[in-house]
């Protein structure tokens, strides 16, 4: 019983860490999209100003 409980606990911990990892990956992805959009807008504004 103790073995099953500890195994389930580590599995739960693994799931939580997996969710955090996915969240970080998603956040990095969103940040990259945001930075590329800002960069495109900035370069567009600079090119139209000249």
N, C-alpha and C. Protein backbone atom coordinates (compact mmCIF):
# COMPACT_ATOMS: atom_id res chain seq x y z
N UNK A 1 0.84 -1.20 0.00
CA UNK A 1 0.00 0.00 0.00
C UNK A 1 0.87 1.26 0.00
N UNK A 2 1.92 1.24 0.82
CA UNK A 2 2.82 2.39 0.91
C UNK A 2 3.52 2.63 -0.43
N UNK A 3 3.90 1.53 -1.10
CA UNK A 3 4.59 1.63 -2.39
C UNK A 3 3.68 2.27 -3.44
N UNK A 4 2.43 1.83 -3.45
CA UNK A 4 1.46 2.38 -4.41
C UNK A 4 1.24 3.87 -4.15
N UNK A 5 1.17 4.22 -2.86
CA UNK A 5 0.93 5.61 -2.49
C UNK A 5 2.10 6.50 -2.92
N UNK A 6 3.32 6.05 -2.64
CA UNK A 6 4.49 6.85 -2.99
C UNK A 6 4.64 6.93 -4.51
N UNK A 7 4.31 5.84 -5.20
CA UNK A 7 4.39 5.82 -6.65
C UNK A 7 3.39 6.81 -7.24
N UNK A 8 2.18 6.82 -6.70
CA UNK A 8 1.15 7.75 -7.17
C UNK A 8 1.55 9.19 -6.89
N UNK A 9 2.20 9.40 -5.74
CA UNK A 9 2.62 10.74 -5.36
C UNK A 9 3.68 11.27 -6.32
N UNK A 10 4.65 10.41 -6.66
CA UNK A 10 5.70 10.83 -7.58
C UNK A 10 5.11 11.07 -8.97
N UNK A 11 4.12 10.27 -9.34
CA UNK A 11 3.46 10.44 -10.63
C UNK A 11 2.74 11.78 -10.68
N UNK A 12 2.08 12.12 -9.57
CA UNK A 12 1.38 13.40 -9.47
C UNK A 12 2.37 14.56 -9.57
N UNK A 13 3.51 14.39 -8.89
CA UNK A 13 4.55 15.40 -8.92
C UNK A 13 5.08 15.57 -10.35
N UNK A 14 5.24 14.45 -11.03
CA UNK A 14 5.72 14.46 -12.41
C UNK A 14 4.74 15.22 -13.31
N UNK A 15 3.45 15.00 -13.10
CA UNK A 15 2.44 15.69 -13.88
C UNK A 15 2.50 17.19 -13.65
N UNK A 16 2.67 17.58 -12.39
CA UNK A 16 2.74 19.01 -12.05
C UNK A 16 3.95 19.64 -12.72
N UNK A 17 5.10 18.96 -12.65
CA UNK A 17 6.31 19.49 -13.28
C UNK A 17 6.14 19.56 -14.79
N UNK A 18 5.44 18.59 -15.36
CA UNK A 18 5.18 18.60 -16.79
C UNK A 18 4.32 19.78 -17.19
N UNK A 19 3.31 20.08 -16.37
CA UNK A 19 2.45 21.23 -16.63
C UNK A 19 3.23 22.53 -16.56
N UNK A 20 4.11 22.65 -15.56
CA UNK A 20 4.93 23.86 -15.42
C UNK A 20 5.84 24.00 -16.64
N UNK A 21 6.42 22.89 -17.09
CA UNK A 21 7.31 22.91 -18.25
C UNK A 21 6.55 23.37 -19.49
N UNK A 22 5.35 22.83 -19.69
CA UNK A 22 4.53 23.22 -20.83
C UNK A 22 4.15 24.70 -20.75
N UNK A 23 3.85 25.16 -19.54
CA UNK A 23 3.48 26.55 -19.34
C UNK A 23 4.64 27.48 -19.70
N UNK A 24 5.85 27.10 -19.28
CA UNK A 24 7.04 27.90 -19.58
C UNK A 24 7.29 27.92 -21.08
N UNK A 25 7.17 26.76 -21.74
CA UNK A 25 7.36 26.69 -23.18
C UNK A 25 6.35 27.58 -23.90
N UNK A 26 5.09 27.55 -23.44
CA UNK A 26 4.02 28.34 -24.03
C UNK A 26 4.30 29.82 -23.84
N UNK A 27 4.79 30.19 -22.65
CA UNK A 27 5.09 31.58 -22.35
C UNK A 27 6.22 32.09 -23.23
N UNK A 28 7.26 31.27 -23.42
CA UNK A 28 8.38 31.64 -24.29
C UNK A 28 7.88 31.82 -25.71
N UNK A 29 6.99 30.92 -26.16
CA UNK A 29 6.44 31.00 -27.51
C UNK A 29 5.66 32.30 -27.69
N UNK A 30 4.82 32.64 -26.72
CA UNK A 30 4.04 33.88 -26.79
C UNK A 30 4.95 35.10 -26.80
N UNK A 31 6.00 35.06 -25.98
CA UNK A 31 6.94 36.18 -25.90
C UNK A 31 7.66 36.36 -27.23
N UNK A 32 8.03 35.25 -27.88
CA UNK A 32 8.68 35.34 -29.18
C UNK A 32 7.76 35.97 -30.22
N UNK A 33 6.49 35.58 -30.21
CA UNK A 33 5.51 36.15 -31.14
C UNK A 33 5.36 37.64 -30.89
N UNK A 34 5.27 38.02 -29.61
CA UNK A 34 5.11 39.42 -29.24
C UNK A 34 6.30 40.25 -29.69
N UNK A 35 7.51 39.75 -29.43
CA UNK A 35 8.71 40.47 -29.82
C UNK A 35 8.82 40.61 -31.33
N UNK A 36 8.46 39.57 -32.07
CA UNK A 36 8.54 39.65 -33.53
C UNK A 36 7.51 40.64 -34.07
N UNK A 37 6.32 40.68 -33.44
CA UNK A 37 5.30 41.64 -33.86
C UNK A 37 5.77 43.07 -33.60
N UNK A 38 6.36 43.30 -32.42
CA UNK A 38 6.87 44.63 -32.08
C UNK A 38 7.99 45.02 -33.04
N UNK A 39 8.86 44.08 -33.35
CA UNK A 39 9.97 44.35 -34.25
C UNK A 39 9.48 44.72 -35.65
N UNK A 40 8.48 43.99 -36.13
CA UNK A 40 7.91 44.26 -37.45
C UNK A 40 7.26 45.64 -37.47
N UNK A 41 6.50 45.96 -36.43
CA UNK A 41 5.85 47.28 -36.35
C UNK A 41 6.88 48.39 -36.28
N UNK A 42 7.94 48.16 -35.50
CA UNK A 42 8.98 49.17 -35.33
C UNK A 42 9.71 49.43 -36.64
N UNK A 43 10.07 48.37 -37.34
CA UNK A 43 10.78 48.51 -38.60
C UNK A 43 9.87 49.14 -39.66
N UNK A 44 8.58 48.83 -39.60
CA UNK A 44 7.62 49.41 -40.53
C UNK A 44 7.50 50.92 -40.29
N UNK A 45 7.42 51.32 -39.03
CA UNK A 45 7.34 52.75 -38.69
C UNK A 45 8.60 53.48 -39.13
N UNK A 46 9.75 52.88 -38.92
CA UNK A 46 11.01 53.51 -39.30
C UNK A 46 11.11 53.65 -40.82
N UNK A 47 10.64 52.65 -41.54
CA UNK A 47 10.74 52.70 -43.00
C UNK A 47 9.77 53.73 -43.58
N UNK A 48 8.60 53.90 -42.97
CA UNK A 48 7.64 54.87 -43.48
C UNK A 48 8.05 56.30 -43.13
N UNK A 49 8.80 56.46 -42.04
CA UNK A 49 9.21 57.79 -41.61
C UNK A 49 10.26 58.36 -42.57
N UNK A 50 11.14 57.53 -43.08
CA UNK A 50 12.23 58.01 -43.95
C UNK A 50 11.73 58.43 -45.32
